[in-house]
Amino acid sequence: MCGIGSKDPFLDGFSANNRVRLLMAFSQAIRDCFFSKSTKGYDQLVASTCETAVNNVGKAFTATGRLDPRHDSCGDTVPLLQRLFRGYKNNDPGTTQQKAIPWPLIKQMCARPCGNRDSPLDIFSKLMTLSFFFAMRSCEYLKDHTVLDHSSRYLEQADTVTLYFEFQKRDLRNDSVTQAKTGHSRDCPVKAAAAIIRWMQRQGMSDDGCIYSFIHEKTKKKTAFTSKVARQMLREFIGSVEQGNFGLTADEIGLHPMRSSSAMAMYMNGVPVYTIMLLGRWSSDAFLRYIRSQVETFGHDVSAKMIETEMFYHV
């Protein structure tokens, strides 16, 4: 670890206090980009990255039956590491969260005429619609897929659409989520899924194994539909419309906040919490951090409800 000789990779010859100090030195090396540079060009990495790296070292120790050097005899993180990470967090710049995208803005993207049903913007709008109804992460709707046998001419008339998530961050395999049709011509998960399948069938399997690819209008070359390309398309669209009614700008928008948009839409329209958790595949109430407190509609009637019951008694 951090240049320690291979004869003592688990620091067995060091005292507990020296192991902690070596962990601190390793953490500082991570923070100062000693092992790898920041992908965004920063001089230092954030506290969470350093803490994750140290946690992984601790797990390597416990995997061999050794005591975790991060912890004291009571199993708590030693004070020196606590202070180190707290200092990192205090010196880190403030976190800028991407904002949830309101559904009317997604509708506007889907309704914009492009003159070509196979255009990147057209299929991207279908992907955004599908990700909205299923609270999908960007890595779940912008990655390699296999075309299934969906050649039925009645595909667009289906009552429901079911997505199977083979792998997820919470380590649950082959999870399935079903959404029903809405009855709208565009604002519908069934119609969006059918349009994506039809597009994939028209495009066929690409040589590089990536279904989501298109011919770039300027370069005339096949371009993979990566997260970077999709984010650029989304921001260009946001920059081309009137943003004043939504309280956001193009640089505040990304792909992952589609989960925020989905959670916000369900919560604000009275969908029960357990249903939000099931549809969004949250195993805890972690989805609450996706509910953006800055949205005016979120608390429009809270003050009125607070004064409905004026009197109460202490028992």
C-alpha atoms as a PDB file:
ATOM      1  CA  MET A   1       0.000   0.000   0.000  1.00  0.00           C
ATOM      2  CA  CYS A   2       1.339   3.397  -1.017  1.00  0.00           C
ATOM      3  CA  GLY A   3       4.870   2.150  -1.708  1.00  0.00           C
ATOM      4  CA  ILE A   4       5.140  -0.249   1.266  1.00  0.00           C
ATOM      5  CA  GLY A   5       7.339  -3.230   0.409  1.00  0.00           C
ATOM      6  CA  SER A   6       5.633  -6.376  -0.811  1.00  0.00           C
ATOM      7  CA  LYS A   7       7.136  -8.351   2.101  1.00  0.00           C
ATOM      8  CA  ASP A   8       4.615  -6.726   4.442  1.00  0.00           C
ATOM      9  CA  PRO A   9       1.570  -5.819   2.289  1.00  0.00           C
ATOM     10  CA  PHE A  10      -0.820  -5.853   5.264  1.00  0.00           C
ATOM     11  CA  LEU A  11       1.471  -3.858   7.572  1.00  0.00           C
ATOM     12  CA  ASP A  12       1.690  -6.706  10.071  1.00  0.00           C
ATOM     13  CA  GLY A  13       5.000  -5.345  11.338  1.00  0.00           C
ATOM     14  CA  PHE A  14       3.510  -1.939  12.187  1.00  0.00           C
ATOM     15  CA  SER A  15       1.739  -0.832  15.321  1.00  0.00           C
ATOM     16  CA  ALA A  16      -1.968   0.057  15.186  1.00  0.00           C
ATOM     17  CA  ASN A  17      -1.140   3.759  15.491  1.00  0.00           C
ATOM     18  CA  ASN A  18       1.371   3.611  12.628  1.00  0.00           C
ATOM     19  CA  ARG A  19      -1.145   1.771  10.432  1.00  0.00           C
ATOM     20  CA  VAL A  20      -3.575   4.632  10.936  1.00  0.00           C
ATOM     21  CA  ARG A  21      -0.922   7.184  10.035  1.00  0.00           C
ATOM     22  CA  LEU A  22      -0.062   5.245   6.888  1.00  0.00           C
ATOM     23  CA  LEU A  23      -3.750   5.213   5.966  1.00  0.00           C
ATOM     24  CA  MET A  24      -3.808   8.970   6.423  1.00  0.00           C
ATOM     25  CA  ALA A  25      -0.759   9.343   4.167  1.00  0.00           C
ATOM     26  CA  PHE A  26      -2.406   7.097   1.573  1.00  0.00           C
ATOM     27  CA  SER A  27      -5.598   9.172   1.763  1.00  0.00           C
ATOM     28  CA  GLN A  28      -3.647  12.396   1.252  1.00  0.00           C
ATOM     29  CA  ALA A  29      -1.894  10.874  -1.761  1.00  0.00           C
ATOM     30  CA  ILE A  30      -5.296  10.025  -3.234  1.00  0.00           C
ATOM     31  CA  ARG A  31      -6.528  13.561  -2.557  1.00  0.00           C
ATOM     32  CA  ASP A  32      -3.476  15.113  -4.209  1.00  0.00           C
ATOM     33  CA  CYS A  33      -4.001  13.000  -7.378  1.00  0.00           C
ATOM     34  CA  PHE A  34      -0.724  11.152  -6.797  1.00  0.00           C
ATOM     35  CA  PHE A  35      -2.006   7.902  -8.340  1.00  0.00           C
ATOM     36  CA  SER A  36      -4.353   9.288 -10.989  1.00  0.00           C
ATOM     37  CA  LYS A  37      -5.353  12.726 -12.205  1.00  0.00           C
ATOM     38  CA  SER A  38      -8.817  14.178 -11.778  1.00  0.00           C
ATOM     39  CA  THR A  39     -10.996  13.520 -14.829  1.00  0.00           C
ATOM     40  CA  LYS A  40     -12.277  17.106 -14.525  1.00  0.00           C
ATOM     41  CA  GLY A  41      -8.845  18.701 -14.223  1.00  0.00           C
ATOM     42  CA  TYR A  42      -9.048  19.489 -10.489  1.00  0.00           C
ATOM     43  CA  ASP A  43      -5.908  19.738  -8.366  1.00  0.00           C
ATOM     44  CA  GLN A  44      -7.481  17.662  -5.606  1.00  0.00           C
ATOM     45  CA  LEU A  45     -10.091  14.909  -5.356  1.00  0.00           C
ATOM     46  CA  VAL A  46     -13.104  15.317  -3.073  1.00  0.00           C
ATOM     47  CA  ALA A  47     -13.406  13.852   0.413  1.00  0.00           C
ATOM     48  CA  SER A  48     -15.799  11.071  -0.596  1.00  0.00           C
ATOM     49  CA  THR A  49     -13.303   9.699  -3.137  1.00  0.00           C
ATOM     50  CA  CYS A  50     -10.532   9.601  -0.537  1.00  0.00           C
ATOM     51  CA  GLU A  51     -12.792   8.002   2.059  1.00  0.00           C
ATOM     52  CA  THR A  52     -13.946   5.342  -0.412  1.00  0.00           C
ATOM     53  CA  ALA A  53     -10.334   4.467  -1.249  1.00  0.00           C
ATOM     54  CA  VAL A  54      -9.456   4.079   2.438  1.00  0.00           C
ATOM     55  CA  ASN A  55     -12.606   2.024   3.036  1.00  0.00           C
ATOM     56  CA  ASN A  56     -11.567  -0.347   0.254  1.00  0.00           C
ATOM     57  CA  VAL A  57      -8.184  -0.812   1.920  1.00  0.00           C
ATOM     58  CA  GLY A  58      -9.968  -1.657   5.171  1.00  0.00           C
ATOM     59  CA  LYS A  59     -12.120  -4.247   3.374  1.00  0.00           C
ATOM     60  CA  ALA A  60      -8.979  -5.861   1.941  1.00  0.00           C
ATOM     61  CA  PHE A  61      -7.678  -6.341   5.476  1.00  0.00           C
ATOM     62  CA  THR A  62     -10.911  -7.889   6.777  1.00  0.00           C
ATOM     63  CA  ALA A  63     -11.125 -10.167   3.717  1.00  0.00           C
ATOM     64  CA  THR A  64      -7.928 -11.885   4.930  1.00  0.00           C
ATOM     65  CA  GLY A  65      -9.204 -12.265   8.490  1.00  0.00           C
ATOM     66  CA  ARG A  66      -7.241  -9.301   9.824  1.00  0.00           C
ATOM     67  CA  LEU A  67      -8.566  -6.433  11.910  1.00  0.00           C
ATOM     68  CA  ASP A  68      -9.663  -3.345  10.007  1.00  0.00           C
ATOM     69  CA  PRO A  69      -6.948  -0.700  10.610  1.00  0.00           C
ATOM     70  CA  ARG A  70      -9.557   2.081  10.309  1.00  0.00           C
ATOM     71  CA  HIS A  71     -11.330   0.983  13.486  1.00  0.00           C
ATOM     72  CA  ASP A  72     -10.538   1.030  17.175  1.00  0.00           C
ATOM     73  CA  SER A  73     -11.258  -1.778  19.637  1.00  0.00           C
ATOM     74  CA  CYS A  74     -14.943  -0.743  19.787  1.00  0.00           C
ATOM     75  CA  GLY A  75     -15.374  -0.915  16.021  1.00  0.00           C
ATOM     76  CA  ASP A  76     -15.588   2.852  15.560  1.00  0.00           C
ATOM     77  CA  THR A  77     -13.539   4.852  13.058  1.00  0.00           C
ATOM     78  CA  VAL A  78     -10.437   6.128  14.822  1.00  0.00           C
ATOM     79  CA  PRO A  79     -10.551   9.870  15.689  1.00  0.00           C
ATOM     80  CA  LEU A  80      -7.547  10.749  13.495  1.00  0.00           C
ATOM     81  CA  LEU A  81      -9.307   9.480  10.367  1.00  0.00           C
ATOM     82  CA  GLN A  82     -12.562  11.153  11.399  1.00  0.00           C
ATOM     83  CA  ARG A  83     -10.789  14.496  11.711  1.00  0.00           C
ATOM     84  CA  LEU A  84      -8.958  14.005   8.433  1.00  0.00           C
ATOM     85  CA  PHE A  85     -12.138  13.318   6.441  1.00  0.00           C
ATOM     86  CA  ARG A  86     -14.014  16.104   8.224  1.00  0.00           C
ATOM     87  CA  GLY A  87     -11.237  18.509   7.281  1.00  0.00           C
ATOM     88  CA  TYR A  88     -11.412  17.358   3.668  1.00  0.00           C
ATOM     89  CA  LYS A  89     -15.172  17.945   3.584  1.00  0.00           C
ATOM     90  CA  ASN A  90     -14.832  21.394   5.125  1.00  0.00           C
ATOM     91  CA  ASN A  91     -12.304  22.386   2.458  1.00  0.00           C
ATOM     92  CA  ASP A  92     -14.194  20.852  -0.465  1.00  0.00           C
ATOM     93  CA  PRO A  93     -16.162  23.212  -2.717  1.00  0.00           C
ATOM     94  CA  GLY A  94     -19.914  23.180  -2.332  1.00  0.00           C
ATOM     95  CA  THR A  95     -21.748  20.430  -4.164  1.00  0.00           C
ATOM     96  CA  THR A  96     -23.676  21.621  -7.203  1.00  0.00           C
ATOM     97  CA  GLN A  97     -26.574  19.252  -7.756  1.00  0.00           C
ATOM     98  CA  GLN A  98     -28.149  18.864 -11.152  1.00  0.00           C
ATOM     99  CA  LYS A  99     -31.788  19.879 -11.194  1.00  0.00           C
ATOM    100  CA  ALA A 100     -34.783  17.707 -11.885  1.00  0.00           C
ATOM    101  CA  ILE A 101     -36.249  18.127 -15.363  1.00  0.00           C
ATOM    102  CA  PRO A 102     -39.982  18.960 -15.315  1.00  0.00           C
ATOM    103  CA  TRP A 103     -42.206  16.715 -17.418  1.00  0.00           C
ATOM    104  CA  PRO A 104     -43.525  19.606 -19.584  1.00  0.00           C
ATOM    105  CA  LEU A 105     -39.957  20.193 -20.760  1.00  0.00           C
ATOM    106  CA  ILE A 106     -39.559  16.535 -21.727  1.00  0.00           C
ATOM    107  CA  LYS A 107     -42.911  16.737 -23.545  1.00  0.00           C
ATOM    108  CA  GLN A 108     -41.671  19.781 -25.434  1.00  0.00           C
ATOM    109  CA  MET A 109     -38.623  17.846 -26.587  1.00  0.00           C
ATOM    110  CA  CYS A 110     -40.781  14.928 -27.756  1.00  0.00           C
ATOM    111  CA  ALA A 111     -43.180  17.226 -29.615  1.00  0.00           C
ATOM    112  CA  ARG A 112     -40.508  19.201 -31.460  1.00  0.00           C
ATOM    113  CA  PRO A 113     -40.700  18.328 -35.176  1.00  0.00           C
ATOM    114  CA  CYS A 114     -37.417  17.050 -36.560  1.00  0.00           C
ATOM    115  CA  GLY A 115     -38.535  15.690 -39.929  1.00  0.00           C
ATOM    116  CA  ASN A 116     -36.863  12.329 -39.418  1.00  0.00           C
ATOM    117  CA  ARG A 117     -38.114   9.587 -37.139  1.00  0.00           C
ATOM    118  CA  ASP A 118     -34.605   8.096 -37.034  1.00  0.00           C
ATOM    119  CA  SER A 119     -32.882  11.337 -36.036  1.00  0.00           C
ATOM    120  CA  PRO A 120     -30.746  11.242 -32.848  1.00  0.00           C
ATOM    121  CA  LEU A 121     -32.955  13.847 -31.138  1.00  0.00           C
ATOM    122  CA  ASP A 122     -36.122  11.889 -31.920  1.00  0.00           C
ATOM    123  CA  ILE A 123     -34.869   8.598 -30.487  1.00  0.00           C
ATOM    124  CA  PHE A 124     -33.249  10.418 -27.561  1.00  0.00           C
ATOM    125  CA  SER A 125     -36.601  11.960 -26.652  1.00  0.00           C
ATOM    126  CA  LYS A 126     -38.077   8.434 -26.574  1.00  0.00           C
ATOM    127  CA  LEU A 127     -35.265   7.301 -24.291  1.00  0.00           C
ATOM    128  CA  MET A 128     -35.906  10.255 -21.991  1.00  0.00           C
ATOM    129  CA  THR A 129     -39.606   9.428 -21.871  1.00  0.00           C
ATOM    130  CA  LEU A 130     -38.903   5.814 -20.974  1.00  0.00           C
ATOM    131  CA  SER A 131     -36.325   6.764 -18.344  1.00  0.00           C
ATOM    132  CA  PHE A 132     -38.821   9.213 -16.816  1.00  0.00           C
ATOM    133  CA  PHE A 133     -41.562   6.615 -16.344  1.00  0.00           C
ATOM    134  CA  PHE A 134     -39.125   4.048 -14.920  1.00  0.00           C
ATOM    135  CA  ALA A 135     -36.881   6.389 -12.857  1.00  0.00           C
ATOM    136  CA  MET A 136     -33.855   5.029 -14.701  1.00  0.00           C
ATOM    137  CA  ARG A 137     -30.218   5.895 -14.197  1.00  0.00           C
ATOM    138  CA  SER A 138     -28.419   7.155 -17.293  1.00  0.00           C
ATOM    139  CA  CYS A 139     -26.251   4.025 -17.318  1.00  0.00           C
ATOM    140  CA  GLU A 140     -29.447   1.960 -17.585  1.00  0.00           C
ATOM    141  CA  TYR A 141     -30.823   3.522 -20.747  1.00  0.00           C
ATOM    142  CA  LEU A 142     -27.580   4.498 -22.488  1.00  0.00           C
ATOM    143  CA  LYS A 143     -25.640   1.251 -22.789  1.00  0.00           C
ATOM    144  CA  ASP A 144     -25.362  -1.809 -24.996  1.00  0.00           C
ATOM    145  CA  HIS A 145     -28.512  -3.895 -25.426  1.00  0.00           C
ATOM    146  CA  THR A 146     -29.674  -6.880 -27.435  1.00  0.00           C
ATOM    147  CA  VAL A 147     -32.668  -6.571 -29.730  1.00  0.00           C
ATOM    148  CA  LEU A 148     -35.392  -8.991 -28.691  1.00  0.00           C
ATOM    149  CA  ASP A 149     -37.983 -10.498 -31.010  1.00  0.00           C
ATOM    150  CA  HIS A 150     -40.516  -7.671 -30.901  1.00  0.00           C
ATOM    151  CA  SER A 151     -41.729  -7.870 -34.473  1.00  0.00           C
ATOM    152  CA  SER A 152     -45.435  -8.006 -33.598  1.00  0.00           C
ATOM    153  CA  ARG A 153     -47.469  -5.423 -35.484  1.00  0.00           C
ATOM    154  CA  TYR A 154     -49.510  -4.897 -32.313  1.00  0.00           C
ATOM    155  CA  LEU A 155     -46.530  -3.763 -30.256  1.00  0.00           C
ATOM    156  CA  GLU A 156     -47.759  -0.155 -29.995  1.00  0.00           C
ATOM    157  CA  GLN A 157     -51.174  -1.336 -28.770  1.00  0.00           C
ATOM    158  CA  ALA A 158     -49.810  -3.220 -25.744  1.00  0.00           C
ATOM    159  CA  ASP A 159     -51.382  -2.492 -22.355  1.00  0.00           C
ATOM    160  CA  THR A 160     -48.128  -2.567 -20.384  1.00  0.00           C
ATOM    161  CA  VAL A 161     -44.371  -2.548 -20.846  1.00  0.00           C
ATOM    162  CA  THR A 162     -41.978  -4.406 -18.546  1.00  0.00           C
ATOM    163  CA  LEU A 163     -38.280  -3.610 -18.256  1.00  0.00           C
ATOM    164  CA  TYR A 164     -35.839  -6.160 -16.871  1.00  0.00           C
ATOM    165  CA  PHE A 165     -32.775  -4.733 -15.112  1.00  0.00           C
ATOM    166  CA  GLU A 166     -30.138  -7.449 -15.290  1.00  0.00           C
ATOM    167  CA  PHE A 167     -27.645  -5.646 -13.043  1.00  0.00           C
ATOM    168  CA  GLN A 168     -28.185  -2.827 -10.570  1.00  0.00           C
ATOM    169  CA  LYS A 169     -26.118  -0.839  -8.100  1.00  0.00           C
ATOM    170  CA  ARG A 170     -27.933  -2.506  -5.192  1.00  0.00           C
ATOM    171  CA  ASP A 171     -26.743  -5.942  -6.417  1.00  0.00           C
ATOM    172  CA  LEU A 172     -30.223  -7.222  -7.241  1.00  0.00           C
ATOM    173  CA  ARG A 173     -30.290  -9.374 -10.377  1.00  0.00           C
ATOM    174  CA  ASN A 174     -33.027  -9.557 -13.011  1.00  0.00           C
ATOM    175  CA  ASP A 175     -35.375  -7.102 -11.340  1.00  0.00           C
ATOM    176  CA  SER A 176     -38.475  -6.214 -13.352  1.00  0.00           C
ATOM    177  CA  VAL A 177     -40.680  -3.119 -13.316  1.00  0.00           C
ATOM    178  CA  THR A 178     -43.966  -2.773 -15.191  1.00  0.00           C
ATOM    179  CA  GLN A 179     -45.733   0.409 -16.283  1.00  0.00           C
ATOM    180  CA  ALA A 180     -49.144   0.640 -17.958  1.00  0.00           C
ATOM    181  CA  LYS A 181     -50.079   2.729 -20.964  1.00  0.00           C
ATOM    182  CA  THR A 182     -51.299   6.273 -20.304  1.00  0.00           C
ATOM    183  CA  GLY A 183     -53.646   6.666 -23.263  1.00  0.00           C
ATOM    184  CA  HIS A 184     -51.604   9.562 -24.694  1.00  0.00           C
ATOM    185  CA  SER A 185     -50.106   9.385 -28.155  1.00  0.00           C
ATOM    186  CA  ARG A 186     -46.660  10.583 -27.019  1.00  0.00           C
ATOM    187  CA  ASP A 187     -46.666  10.750 -23.206  1.00  0.00           C
ATOM    188  CA  CYS A 188     -46.698   7.006 -22.725  1.00  0.00           C
ATOM    189  CA  PRO A 189     -44.055   4.461 -21.641  1.00  0.00           C
ATOM    190  CA  VAL A 190     -45.547   1.775 -23.898  1.00  0.00           C
ATOM    191  CA  LYS A 191     -45.403   3.994 -26.985  1.00  0.00           C
ATOM    192  CA  ALA A 192     -41.879   5.169 -26.123  1.00  0.00           C
ATOM    193  CA  ALA A 193     -40.626   1.596 -25.663  1.00  0.00           C
ATOM    194  CA  ALA A 194     -42.252   0.476 -28.914  1.00  0.00           C
ATOM    195  CA  ALA A 195     -40.676   3.393 -30.801  1.00  0.00           C
ATOM    196  CA  ILE A 196     -37.230   2.503 -29.436  1.00  0.00           C
ATOM    197  CA  ILE A 197     -37.645  -1.152 -30.426  1.00  0.00           C
ATOM    198  CA  ARG A 198     -38.796  -0.210 -33.933  1.00  0.00           C
ATOM    199  CA  TRP A 199     -35.818   2.117 -34.297  1.00  0.00           C
ATOM    200  CA  MET A 200     -33.410  -0.591 -33.133  1.00  0.00           C
ATOM    201  CA  GLN A 201     -34.903  -3.005 -35.655  1.00  0.00           C
ATOM    202  CA  ARG A 202     -34.506  -0.494 -38.483  1.00  0.00           C
ATOM    203  CA  GLN A 203     -30.902   0.230 -37.487  1.00  0.00           C
ATOM    204  CA  GLY A 204     -29.872  -3.394 -36.970  1.00  0.00           C
ATOM    205  CA  MET A 205     -26.919  -4.610 -34.968  1.00  0.00           C
ATOM    206  CA  SER A 206     -23.898  -2.364 -35.415  1.00  0.00           C
ATOM    207  CA  ASP A 207     -20.428  -3.805 -36.025  1.00  0.00           C
ATOM    208  CA  ASP A 208     -19.054  -2.425 -32.773  1.00  0.00           C
ATOM    209  CA  GLY A 209     -21.797  -4.134 -30.735  1.00  0.00           C
ATOM    210  CA  CYS A 210     -23.491  -0.905 -29.717  1.00  0.00           C
ATOM    211  CA  ILE A 211     -27.133  -0.661 -30.752  1.00  0.00           C
ATOM    212  CA  TYR A 212     -27.395   3.006 -29.813  1.00  0.00           C
ATOM    213  CA  SER A 213     -25.438   4.609 -32.642  1.00  0.00           C
ATOM    214  CA  PHE A 214     -26.241   6.979 -35.476  1.00  0.00           C
ATOM    215  CA  ILE A 215     -24.672   8.713 -38.452  1.00  0.00           C
ATOM    216  CA  HIS A 216     -23.430  12.128 -37.383  1.00  0.00           C
ATOM    217  CA  GLU A 217     -24.833  14.900 -39.587  1.00  0.00           C
ATOM    218  CA  LYS A 218     -21.543  16.813 -39.813  1.00  0.00           C
ATOM    219  CA  THR A 219     -18.875  14.102 -39.819  1.00  0.00           C
ATOM    220  CA  LYS A 220     -21.044  11.497 -41.633  1.00  0.00           C
ATOM    221  CA  LYS A 221     -19.475   8.888 -39.367  1.00  0.00           C
ATOM    222  CA  LYS A 222     -21.163   6.353 -37.119  1.00  0.00           C
ATOM    223  CA  THR A 223     -21.301   7.852 -33.643  1.00  0.00           C
ATOM    224  CA  ALA A 224     -22.014   5.866 -30.491  1.00  0.00           C
ATOM    225  CA  PHE A 225     -24.953   7.120 -28.447  1.00  0.00           C
ATOM    226  CA  THR A 226     -22.843   7.596 -25.320  1.00  0.00           C
ATOM    227  CA  SER A 227     -23.725   9.501 -22.175  1.00  0.00           C
ATOM    228  CA  LYS A 228     -21.475  12.361 -23.309  1.00  0.00           C
ATOM    229  CA  VAL A 229     -23.291  12.659 -26.648  1.00  0.00           C
ATOM    230  CA  ALA A 230     -26.713  12.402 -25.007  1.00  0.00           C
ATOM    231  CA  ARG A 231     -25.862  15.029 -22.369  1.00  0.00           C
ATOM    232  CA  GLN A 232     -24.715  17.433 -25.095  1.00  0.00           C
ATOM    233  CA  MET A 233     -27.951  16.901 -27.038  1.00  0.00           C
ATOM    234  CA  LEU A 234     -30.038  17.489 -23.926  1.00  0.00           C
ATOM    235  CA  ARG A 235     -28.210  20.690 -23.010  1.00  0.00           C
ATOM    236  CA  GLU A 236     -28.425  22.005 -26.565  1.00  0.00           C
ATOM    237  CA  PHE A 237     -32.166  21.446 -26.477  1.00  0.00           C
ATOM    238  CA  ILE A 238     -32.534  23.122 -23.074  1.00  0.00           C
ATOM    239  CA  GLY A 239     -30.520  26.064 -24.373  1.00  0.00           C
ATOM    240  CA  SER A 240     -32.839  26.432 -27.375  1.00  0.00           C
ATOM    241  CA  VAL A 241     -36.106  26.789 -25.432  1.00  0.00           C
ATOM    242  CA  GLU A 242     -37.539  29.359 -23.056  1.00  0.00           C
ATOM    243  CA  GLN A 243     -36.133  28.434 -19.654  1.00  0.00           C
ATOM    244  CA  GLY A 244     -37.660  31.138 -17.473  1.00  0.00           C
ATOM    245  CA  ASN A 245     -40.752  29.104 -16.631  1.00  0.00           C
ATOM    246  CA  PHE A 246     -38.687  26.215 -15.287  1.00  0.00           C
ATOM    247  CA  GLY A 247     -36.068  27.993 -13.156  1.00  0.00           C
ATOM    248  CA  LEU A 248     -33.073  26.194 -14.645  1.00  0.00           C
ATOM    249  CA  THR A 249     -30.313  26.627 -17.178  1.00  0.00           C
ATOM    250  CA  ALA A 250     -28.611  24.202 -19.547  1.00  0.00           C
ATOM    251  CA  ASP A 251     -25.486  23.796 -17.406  1.00  0.00           C
ATOM    252  CA  GLU A 252     -27.643  22.680 -14.443  1.00  0.00           C
ATOM    253  CA  ILE A 253     -29.044  19.737 -16.385  1.00  0.00           C
ATOM    254  CA  GLY A 254     -27.642  16.243 -16.782  1.00  0.00           C
ATOM    255  CA  LEU A 255     -28.850  12.723 -17.472  1.00  0.00           C
ATOM    256  CA  HIS A 256     -29.004  11.221 -13.986  1.00  0.00           C
ATOM    257  CA  PRO A 257     -31.609  13.725 -12.691  1.00  0.00           C
ATOM    258  CA  MET A 258     -34.245  11.830 -14.664  1.00  0.00           C
ATOM    259  CA  ARG A 259     -34.592   9.821 -11.450  1.00  0.00           C
ATOM    260  CA  SER A 260     -35.186  13.119  -9.650  1.00  0.00           C
ATOM    261  CA  SER A 261     -37.784  14.063 -12.247  1.00  0.00           C
ATOM    262  CA  SER A 262     -39.545  10.731 -11.882  1.00  0.00           C
ATOM    263  CA  ALA A 263     -39.559  10.804  -8.064  1.00  0.00           C
ATOM    264  CA  MET A 264     -40.740  14.413  -8.011  1.00  0.00           C
ATOM    265  CA  ALA A 265     -43.566  13.715 -10.460  1.00  0.00           C
ATOM    266  CA  MET A 266     -44.811  10.718  -8.491  1.00  0.00           C
ATOM    267  CA  TYR A 267     -44.552  12.397  -5.085  1.00  0.00           C
ATOM    268  CA  MET A 268     -46.219  15.639  -6.173  1.00  0.00           C
ATOM    269  CA  ASN A 269     -49.114  13.716  -7.680  1.00  0.00           C
ATOM    270  CA  GLY A 270     -49.879  11.684  -4.585  1.00  0.00           C
ATOM    271  CA  VAL A 271     -48.195   8.375  -5.418  1.00  0.00           C
ATOM    272  CA  PRO A 272     -47.597   6.473  -2.132  1.00  0.00           C
ATOM    273  CA  VAL A 273     -44.013   6.306  -0.890  1.00  0.00           C
ATOM    274  CA  TYR A 274     -43.834   2.501  -1.117  1.00  0.00           C
ATOM    275  CA  THR A 275     -44.945   2.661  -4.772  1.00  0.00           C
ATOM    276  CA  ILE A 276     -42.228   5.218  -5.546  1.00  0.00           C
ATOM    277  CA  MET A 277     -39.684   2.909  -3.936  1.00  0.00           C
ATOM    278  CA  LEU A 278     -40.876  -0.110  -5.940  1.00  0.00           C
ATOM    279  CA  LEU A 279     -41.008   1.650  -9.319  1.00  0.00           C
ATOM    280  CA  GLY A 280     -37.728   3.463  -8.784  1.00  0.00           C
ATOM    281  CA  ARG A 281     -36.084   0.341  -7.327  1.00  0.00           C
ATOM    282  CA  TRP A 282     -35.031   2.086  -4.127  1.00  0.00           C
ATOM    283  CA  SER A 283     -34.447  -0.332  -1.254  1.00  0.00           C
ATOM    284  CA  SER A 284     -34.752   2.432   1.361  1.00  0.00           C
ATOM    285  CA  ASP A 285     -36.031   5.981   1.722  1.00  0.00           C
ATOM    286  CA  ALA A 286     -32.883   7.194  -0.086  1.00  0.00           C
ATOM    287  CA  PHE A 287     -35.165   8.429  -2.850  1.00  0.00           C
ATOM    288  CA  LEU A 288     -36.110  11.351  -0.596  1.00  0.00           C
ATOM    289  CA  ARG A 289     -32.873  13.073  -1.548  1.00  0.00           C
ATOM    290  CA  TYR A 290     -34.177  13.150  -5.119  1.00  0.00           C
ATOM    291  CA  ILE A 291     -37.166  15.230  -4.009  1.00  0.00           C
ATOM    292  CA  ARG A 292     -35.921  18.728  -4.668  1.00  0.00           C
ATOM    293  CA  SER A 293     -36.860  21.142  -1.899  1.00  0.00           C
ATOM    294  CA  GLN A 294     -36.380  24.168  -4.148  1.00  0.00           C
ATOM    295  CA  VAL A 295     -39.408  23.287  -6.270  1.00  0.00           C
ATOM    296  CA  GLU A 296     -42.181  25.717  -5.335  1.00  0.00           C
ATOM    297  CA  THR A 297     -45.000  23.228  -5.891  1.00  0.00           C
ATOM    298  CA  PHE A 298     -43.532  20.796  -3.389  1.00  0.00           C
ATOM    299  CA  GLY A 299     -44.661  22.793  -0.368  1.00  0.00           C
ATOM    300  CA  HIS A 300     -47.439  24.949  -1.777  1.00  0.00           C
ATOM    301  CA  ASP A 301     -50.049  23.735   0.756  1.00  0.00           C
ATOM    302  CA  VAL A 302     -47.861  22.893   3.760  1.00  0.00           C
ATOM    303  CA  SER A 303     -48.465  26.200   5.551  1.00  0.00           C
ATOM    304  CA  ALA A 304     -52.252  25.822   5.154  1.00  0.00           C
ATOM    305  CA  LYS A 305     -52.148  22.298   6.563  1.00  0.00           C
ATOM    306  CA  MET A 306     -50.059  23.431   9.534  1.00  0.00           C
ATOM    307  CA  ILE A 307     -52.889  25.601  10.879  1.00  0.00           C
ATOM    308  CA  GLU A 308     -55.802  23.241  10.237  1.00  0.00           C
ATOM    309  CA  THR A 309     -55.529  21.835  13.774  1.00  0.00           C
ATOM    310  CA  GLU A 310     -54.904  24.808  16.038  1.00  0.00           C
ATOM    311  CA  MET A 311     -55.153  23.248  19.494  1.00  0.00           C
ATOM    312  CA  PHE A 312     -53.571  20.223  21.100  1.00  0.00           C
ATOM    313  CA  TYR A 313     -53.060  19.034  24.669  1.00  0.00           C
ATOM    314  CA  HIS A 314     -50.057  17.552  26.436  1.00  0.00           C
ATOM    315  CA  VAL A 315     -51.020  14.279  28.085  1.00  0.00           C
END
